[in-house]
């Protein structure tokens, strides 16, 4: 079994590894787990805060194992060395590997071989395709395109009329399992994350927004305390079916100001159109961190803006003296430990 599959470049060779139970406050463990992957292959792409892609083509012959067996080796080493279980998808492309990992219960290795691609994708809901958010899924379902199989069978011109030329063409390719995206070796970017998991499915948009305000405030305080600012903000929304949507927005200027971070979080959240989504958790990640003194800031002549910054500085002093829970923005829901 290993021989032919080890030699072919078209067989499964991409691993999507999700480190189960890894929270935002475990950056050191995440980096250690990435190092575990690089012991097997140098082609590892970090997907913080808890996942990674690995191209193991060059490792198949060296280890004398196929990709699924290497995935089992990753699970064994992660458990033995770090006490962390993994869910691993194995396929010939990042898209299929990611979908394979998300297709069942955690703590397993699931492989999709090239000859199994059509059957694997056929009956999966269209929202399972990476990059399809709730709003796009609702639009497609309104046209009867509620499964990946139906999406693949639809004429490309139809999808281009519904979604636009480039998105329609890209989605039609993904529905047929075509994903030319390479695994690009990257180190985890400098970032800071705040996360909240709801105790039950959260359907109330206002409650989600108040939680995002609390997370933005937590991020802002941490960045200001460390003398850093963020150039971008990423929102991850996790759903009851274990799927997730991630969106990133570049900020108008590098900032650690809570209102600016909250405004960006609200814009990302509202753009997803989550009216009926069963949300189980939200996370904000401040991206592309840099030292505050090195970042240019536009001068403001708005008196309210300057007052808000002075009030923020006073609140930070109170937190350093009395604890982080001493001061909270009005209307925020304090995040609880997951």
Protein backbone atom coordinates (compact mmCIF):
# COMPACT_ATOMS: atom_id res chain seq x y z
CA UNK A 1 0.00 0.00 0.00
CA UNK A 2 2.77 2.45 0.84
CA UNK A 3 4.81 1.89 -2.29
CA UNK A 4 2.64 3.41 -5.05
CA UNK A 5 1.14 6.08 -2.83
CA UNK A 6 4.57 7.13 -1.60
CA UNK A 7 5.84 7.68 -5.13
CA UNK A 8 2.90 9.58 -6.59
CA UNK A 9 2.75 13.36 -6.41
CA UNK A 10 -1.02 13.37 -7.02
CA UNK A 11 -1.99 11.29 -4.00
CA UNK A 12 -2.76 12.61 -0.52
CA UNK A 13 0.17 14.69 0.70
CA UNK A 14 -1.37 17.66 2.55
CA UNK A 15 -2.20 17.50 6.25
CA UNK A 16 -4.59 19.94 7.89
CA UNK A 17 -3.84 19.62 11.60
CA UNK A 18 -6.18 21.05 14.22
CA UNK A 19 -4.75 21.00 17.74
CA UNK A 20 -7.80 20.19 19.84
CA UNK A 21 -8.46 22.17 23.01
CA UNK A 22 -5.75 24.73 22.32
CA UNK A 23 -6.89 28.11 23.66
CA UNK A 24 -5.66 31.61 22.85
CA UNK A 25 -3.48 31.81 25.96
CA UNK A 26 -1.26 28.87 24.91
CA UNK A 27 1.01 30.52 22.34
CA UNK A 28 4.13 28.74 23.59
CA UNK A 29 2.49 25.32 23.29
CA UNK A 30 1.23 26.18 19.80
CA UNK A 31 4.75 27.09 18.69
CA UNK A 32 6.05 23.84 20.20
CA UNK A 33 3.45 21.87 18.25
CA UNK A 34 4.45 23.65 15.05
CA UNK A 35 8.04 22.64 15.77
CA UNK A 36 6.81 19.05 16.08
CA UNK A 37 5.42 19.30 12.54
CA UNK A 38 8.64 20.79 11.18
CA UNK A 39 10.50 17.73 12.50
CA UNK A 40 8.54 15.81 9.84
CA UNK A 41 8.48 18.36 7.00
CA UNK A 42 9.85 21.90 6.59
CA UNK A 43 6.77 22.89 4.56
CA UNK A 44 4.50 23.96 7.44
CA UNK A 45 2.07 26.87 7.23
CA UNK A 46 0.92 28.24 10.58
CA UNK A 47 -2.82 28.90 10.92
CA UNK A 48 -3.04 30.42 14.41
CA UNK A 49 -4.32 30.07 16.99
CA UNK A 50 -4.78 26.28 16.79
CA UNK A 51 -4.17 24.81 13.32
CA UNK A 52 -1.56 24.31 10.61
CA UNK A 53 -1.10 22.95 7.10
CA UNK A 54 1.78 20.64 6.22
CA UNK A 55 2.93 19.37 2.82
CA UNK A 56 4.56 15.99 3.46
CA UNK A 57 5.45 15.05 -0.13
CA UNK A 58 9.16 15.22 0.63
CA UNK A 59 8.76 13.19 3.83
CA UNK A 60 6.93 10.15 2.40
CA UNK A 61 10.01 8.34 1.11
CA UNK A 62 12.20 9.46 4.04
CA UNK A 63 9.84 8.01 6.66
CA UNK A 64 8.69 5.10 4.47
CA UNK A 65 5.06 5.90 5.31
CA UNK A 66 2.09 7.32 3.45
CA UNK A 67 0.46 10.62 4.40
CA UNK A 68 -2.23 9.05 6.61
CA UNK A 69 0.42 7.15 8.55
CA UNK A 70 2.41 10.36 9.03
CA UNK A 71 -0.78 11.99 10.33
CA UNK A 72 -1.08 9.21 12.93
CA UNK A 73 2.57 9.84 13.86
CA UNK A 74 1.78 13.54 14.39
CA UNK A 75 -1.12 12.62 16.70
CA UNK A 76 1.03 10.17 18.67
CA UNK A 77 3.88 12.66 19.16
CA UNK A 78 1.54 15.53 20.07
CA UNK A 79 -0.15 13.40 22.73
CA UNK A 80 3.06 11.93 24.09
CA UNK A 81 5.15 15.10 24.14
CA UNK A 82 2.58 17.84 24.74
CA UNK A 83 -0.59 16.15 26.00
CA UNK A 84 -2.53 17.59 23.06
CA UNK A 85 -4.71 15.54 20.73
CA UNK A 86 -5.10 16.43 17.05
CA UNK A 87 -7.73 16.15 14.38
CA UNK A 88 -6.03 15.65 11.03
CA UNK A 89 -7.43 15.80 7.52
CA UNK A 90 -5.36 14.15 4.78
CA UNK A 91 -5.87 14.91 1.08
CA UNK A 92 -4.23 16.11 -2.11
CA UNK A 93 -5.04 19.80 -1.49
CA UNK A 94 -5.46 22.20 1.44
CA UNK A 95 -9.18 22.58 0.69
CA UNK A 96 -9.95 18.86 0.88
CA UNK A 97 -7.64 18.29 3.84
CA UNK A 98 -9.40 21.05 5.81
CA UNK A 99 -12.85 19.69 4.93
CA UNK A 100 -11.81 16.15 5.84
CA UNK A 101 -10.68 17.32 9.29
CA UNK A 102 -13.99 19.10 9.85
CA UNK A 103 -16.15 16.22 8.63
CA UNK A 104 -16.49 14.29 11.87
CA UNK A 105 -15.64 13.96 15.52
CA UNK A 106 -12.40 15.44 16.90
CA UNK A 107 -9.35 13.34 17.68
CA UNK A 108 -9.28 11.36 14.42
CA UNK A 109 -7.36 11.11 11.15
CA UNK A 110 -9.63 11.29 8.09
CA UNK A 111 -8.25 10.78 4.58
CA UNK A 112 -9.81 11.69 1.24
CA UNK A 113 -8.11 9.97 -1.70
CA UNK A 114 -8.36 11.44 -5.21
CA UNK A 115 -10.78 8.75 -6.38
CA UNK A 116 -13.02 9.49 -3.37
CA UNK A 117 -13.20 13.26 -3.92
CA UNK A 118 -16.50 13.44 -5.84
CA UNK A 119 -18.32 11.12 -3.44
CA UNK A 120 -16.93 12.95 -0.40
CA UNK A 121 -18.05 16.36 -1.68
CA UNK A 122 -21.35 15.38 -3.29
CA UNK A 123 -23.76 15.54 -0.33
CA UNK A 124 -21.90 17.96 1.87
CA UNK A 125 -23.71 21.26 2.54
CA UNK A 126 -22.48 24.18 0.51
CA UNK A 127 -21.51 26.00 3.74
CA UNK A 128 -18.88 23.30 4.32
CA UNK A 129 -16.75 24.72 1.50
CA UNK A 130 -13.94 26.84 2.90
CA UNK A 131 -14.60 30.51 2.14
CA UNK A 132 -18.39 30.18 1.96
CA UNK A 133 -19.88 32.23 4.78
CA UNK A 134 -23.51 32.18 5.98
CA UNK A 135 -24.58 35.05 3.69
CA UNK A 136 -23.16 33.38 0.56
CA UNK A 137 -24.63 30.03 1.63
CA UNK A 138 -28.10 31.57 1.98
CA UNK A 139 -27.81 33.15 -1.47
CA UNK A 140 -26.83 29.84 -3.06
CA UNK A 141 -29.53 27.91 -1.22
CA UNK A 142 -32.14 30.38 -2.49
CA UNK A 143 -31.23 29.15 -6.00
CA UNK A 144 -31.44 25.50 -4.95
CA UNK A 145 -27.65 25.11 -4.75
CA UNK A 146 -27.66 23.74 -1.22
CA UNK A 147 -25.08 20.97 -1.63
CA UNK A 148 -21.56 20.86 -2.99
CA UNK A 149 -22.64 18.27 -5.57
CA UNK A 150 -25.33 20.58 -6.98
CA UNK A 151 -22.85 23.43 -6.99
CA UNK A 152 -20.38 21.34 -8.99
CA UNK A 153 -23.10 20.37 -11.48
CA UNK A 154 -24.26 23.96 -12.03
CA UNK A 155 -23.04 25.76 -15.17
CA UNK A 156 -20.12 28.08 -14.32
CA UNK A 157 -21.94 30.95 -16.03
CA UNK A 158 -24.83 30.58 -13.58
CA UNK A 159 -22.54 30.90 -10.57
CA UNK A 160 -20.81 33.89 -12.12
CA UNK A 161 -24.17 35.64 -12.56
CA UNK A 162 -25.10 34.93 -8.93
CA UNK A 163 -21.76 35.71 -7.24
CA UNK A 164 -19.71 37.61 -9.78
CA UNK A 165 -17.13 36.42 -12.30
CA UNK A 166 -14.10 35.64 -10.13
CA UNK A 167 -15.94 34.35 -7.00
CA UNK A 168 -18.27 32.21 -9.15
CA UNK A 169 -15.41 30.63 -11.08
CA UNK A 170 -13.39 30.01 -7.91
CA UNK A 171 -16.34 28.43 -6.09
CA UNK A 172 -17.15 26.15 -9.04
CA UNK A 173 -13.57 24.85 -8.97
CA UNK A 174 -13.68 24.29 -5.22
CA UNK A 175 -16.95 22.36 -5.55
CA UNK A 176 -15.10 19.92 -7.80
CA UNK A 177 -12.23 19.63 -5.35
CA UNK A 178 -9.85 21.82 -7.35
CA UNK A 179 -7.59 23.90 -5.12
CA UNK A 180 -4.23 24.98 -6.58
CA UNK A 181 -3.29 26.88 -3.42
CA UNK A 182 0.15 25.72 -2.24
CA UNK A 183 1.17 25.18 1.35
CA UNK A 184 3.40 28.19 2.04
CA UNK A 185 5.90 27.80 4.89
CA UNK A 186 5.25 30.54 7.44
CA UNK A 187 6.02 31.15 11.07
CA UNK A 188 3.17 32.21 13.34
CA UNK A 189 2.69 35.95 12.82
CA UNK A 190 2.98 38.30 15.74
CA UNK A 191 -0.55 38.50 17.05
CA UNK A 192 -2.69 38.58 20.18
CA UNK A 193 -5.98 36.73 20.61
CA UNK A 194 -9.04 37.01 22.85
CA UNK A 195 -11.72 34.32 22.67
CA UNK A 196 -15.11 33.57 24.21
CA UNK A 197 -17.18 30.38 24.07
CA UNK A 198 -20.87 30.66 24.77
CA UNK A 199 -22.48 28.19 27.17
CA UNK A 200 -25.17 27.45 24.56
CA UNK A 201 -25.97 28.33 20.95
CA UNK A 202 -26.03 32.12 20.83
CA UNK A 203 -28.68 33.51 18.45
CA UNK A 204 -28.85 37.06 19.85
CA UNK A 205 -26.81 39.41 17.65
CA UNK A 206 -26.72 42.11 20.34
CA UNK A 207 -25.27 39.69 22.87
CA UNK A 208 -22.61 38.68 20.36
CA UNK A 209 -21.79 42.34 19.73
CA UNK A 210 -21.47 43.06 23.47
CA UNK A 211 -19.14 40.07 23.74
CA UNK A 212 -17.05 41.42 20.85
CA UNK A 213 -16.81 44.76 22.66
CA UNK A 214 -15.45 42.98 25.74
CA UNK A 215 -12.94 41.05 23.64
CA UNK A 216 -11.84 44.22 21.81
CA UNK A 217 -11.41 45.96 25.17
CA UNK A 218 -9.34 43.06 26.49
CA UNK A 219 -7.12 43.11 23.39
CA UNK A 220 -6.75 46.87 23.50
CA UNK A 221 -5.69 46.87 27.15
CA UNK A 222 -3.11 44.14 26.55
CA UNK A 223 -1.67 45.90 23.50
CA UNK A 224 -1.45 49.25 25.29
CA UNK A 225 0.21 47.62 28.30
CA UNK A 226 2.85 46.11 26.00
CA UNK A 227 3.33 49.27 23.94
CA UNK A 228 2.05 47.65 20.75
CA UNK A 229 -0.49 48.45 18.04
CA UNK A 230 -2.25 46.24 15.48
CA UNK A 231 -2.45 46.81 11.75
CA UNK A 232 -5.29 44.33 11.15
CA UNK A 233 -8.04 42.52 13.04
CA UNK A 234 -9.35 38.99 12.43
CA UNK A 235 -12.73 37.68 13.57
CA UNK A 236 -13.38 33.94 13.87
CA UNK A 237 -16.93 32.72 14.45
CA UNK A 238 -17.39 29.09 15.48
CA UNK A 239 -20.74 27.37 14.94
CA UNK A 240 -22.60 24.52 16.65
CA UNK A 241 -21.67 22.09 13.84
CA UNK A 242 -17.94 22.72 14.54
CA UNK A 243 -17.46 24.71 11.34
CA UNK A 244 -16.02 28.22 11.48
CA UNK A 245 -15.84 31.42 9.47
CA UNK A 246 -12.79 33.70 9.57
CA UNK A 247 -12.58 37.21 8.17
CA UNK A 248 -9.79 39.82 8.39
CA UNK A 249 -9.91 43.58 8.01
CA UNK A 250 -6.95 45.94 7.65
CA UNK A 251 -7.33 48.86 10.04
CA UNK A 252 -7.29 52.41 8.72
CA UNK A 253 -4.22 53.06 10.89
CA UNK A 254 -2.27 50.95 13.41
CA UNK A 255 -4.08 51.15 16.73
CA UNK A 256 -4.62 49.74 20.20
CA UNK A 257 -7.60 52.04 20.85
CA UNK A 258 -10.57 49.97 22.07
CA UNK A 259 -13.29 51.90 20.13
CA UNK A 260 -11.36 51.45 16.87
CA UNK A 261 -10.88 47.73 17.49
CA UNK A 262 -14.54 47.33 18.48
CA UNK A 263 -15.74 49.18 15.37
CA UNK A 264 -13.71 46.86 13.15
CA UNK A 265 -15.05 43.82 15.03
CA UNK A 266 -18.64 45.01 14.60
CA UNK A 267 -18.11 45.59 10.87
CA UNK A 268 -16.67 42.08 10.40
CA UNK A 269 -19.51 40.53 12.43
CA UNK A 270 -22.30 42.40 10.67
CA UNK A 271 -20.91 41.60 7.21
CA UNK A 272 -21.35 37.86 7.89
CA UNK A 273 -25.15 38.13 8.08
CA UNK A 274 -25.55 35.73 11.02
CA UNK A 275 -29.29 36.25 11.58
CA UNK A 276 -30.09 32.59 12.31
CA UNK A 277 -26.63 31.14 12.83
CA UNK A 278 -26.07 28.94 15.89
CA UNK A 279 -22.90 30.56 17.19
CA UNK A 280 -20.89 28.74 19.84
CA UNK A 281 -17.88 31.00 20.10
CA UNK A 282 -16.17 34.13 18.81
CA UNK A 283 -12.51 35.13 18.76
CA UNK A 284 -10.69 38.33 17.87
CA UNK A 285 -7.05 38.34 16.84
CA UNK A 286 -4.99 41.51 16.58
CA UNK A 287 -2.64 41.00 13.63
CA UNK A 288 0.67 42.43 12.41
CA UNK A 289 1.67 43.85 15.76
CA UNK A 290 4.31 46.55 15.88
CA UNK A 291 5.77 48.85 18.49
CA UNK A 292 3.48 51.82 19.14
CA UNK A 293 6.31 54.32 18.93
CA UNK A 294 7.14 53.16 15.41
CA UNK A 295 3.60 53.53 14.08
CA UNK A 296 2.37 56.76 12.53
CA UNK A 297 -0.88 58.12 13.93
CA UNK A 298 -3.06 60.70 12.27
CA UNK A 299 -3.60 63.83 14.33
CA UNK A 300 -7.18 64.29 15.49
CA UNK A 301 -8.92 67.59 16.08
CA UNK A 302 -11.99 65.84 17.47
CA UNK A 303 -12.35 66.82 21.15
CA UNK A 304 -14.42 63.70 21.84
CA UNK A 305 -11.66 61.49 20.47
CA UNK A 306 -9.06 63.03 22.76
CA UNK A 307 -11.38 62.76 25.76
CA UNK A 308 -11.99 59.09 24.97
CA UNK A 309 -8.26 58.41 24.88
CA UNK A 310 -7.69 60.21 28.19
CA UNK A 311 -10.53 58.20 29.77
CA UNK A 312 -9.01 55.02 28.34
CA UNK A 313 -5.63 55.87 29.88
CA UNK A 314 -7.29 56.49 33.25
CA UNK A 315 -9.13 53.15 33.02
CA UNK A 316 -5.84 51.39 32.21
CA UNK A 317 -4.26 52.85 35.34
CA UNK A 318 -7.18 51.59 37.42
CA UNK A 319 -6.86 48.12 35.93
CA UNK A 320 -3.16 47.94 36.64
CA UNK A 321 -3.84 48.88 40.23
CA UNK A 322 -7.09 46.99 40.98
CA UNK A 323 -7.16 44.21 38.36
CA UNK A 324 -8.41 43.84 34.81
CA UNK A 325 -12.05 43.45 35.90
CA UNK A 326 -12.07 46.81 37.69
CA UNK A 327 -13.20 48.75 34.62
CA UNK A 328 -15.31 47.55 31.68
CA UNK A 329 -16.87 49.42 28.74
CA UNK A 330 -20.58 50.07 29.13
CA UNK A 331 -22.59 47.47 27.22
CA UNK A 332 -19.89 44.79 27.19
CA UNK A 333 -20.27 41.20 28.32
CA UNK A 334 -17.14 40.17 30.21
CA UNK A 335 -15.55 37.13 28.57
CA UNK A 336 -15.46 34.00 30.69
CA UNK A 337 -12.91 31.23 30.55
CA UNK A 338 -13.86 28.53 28.05
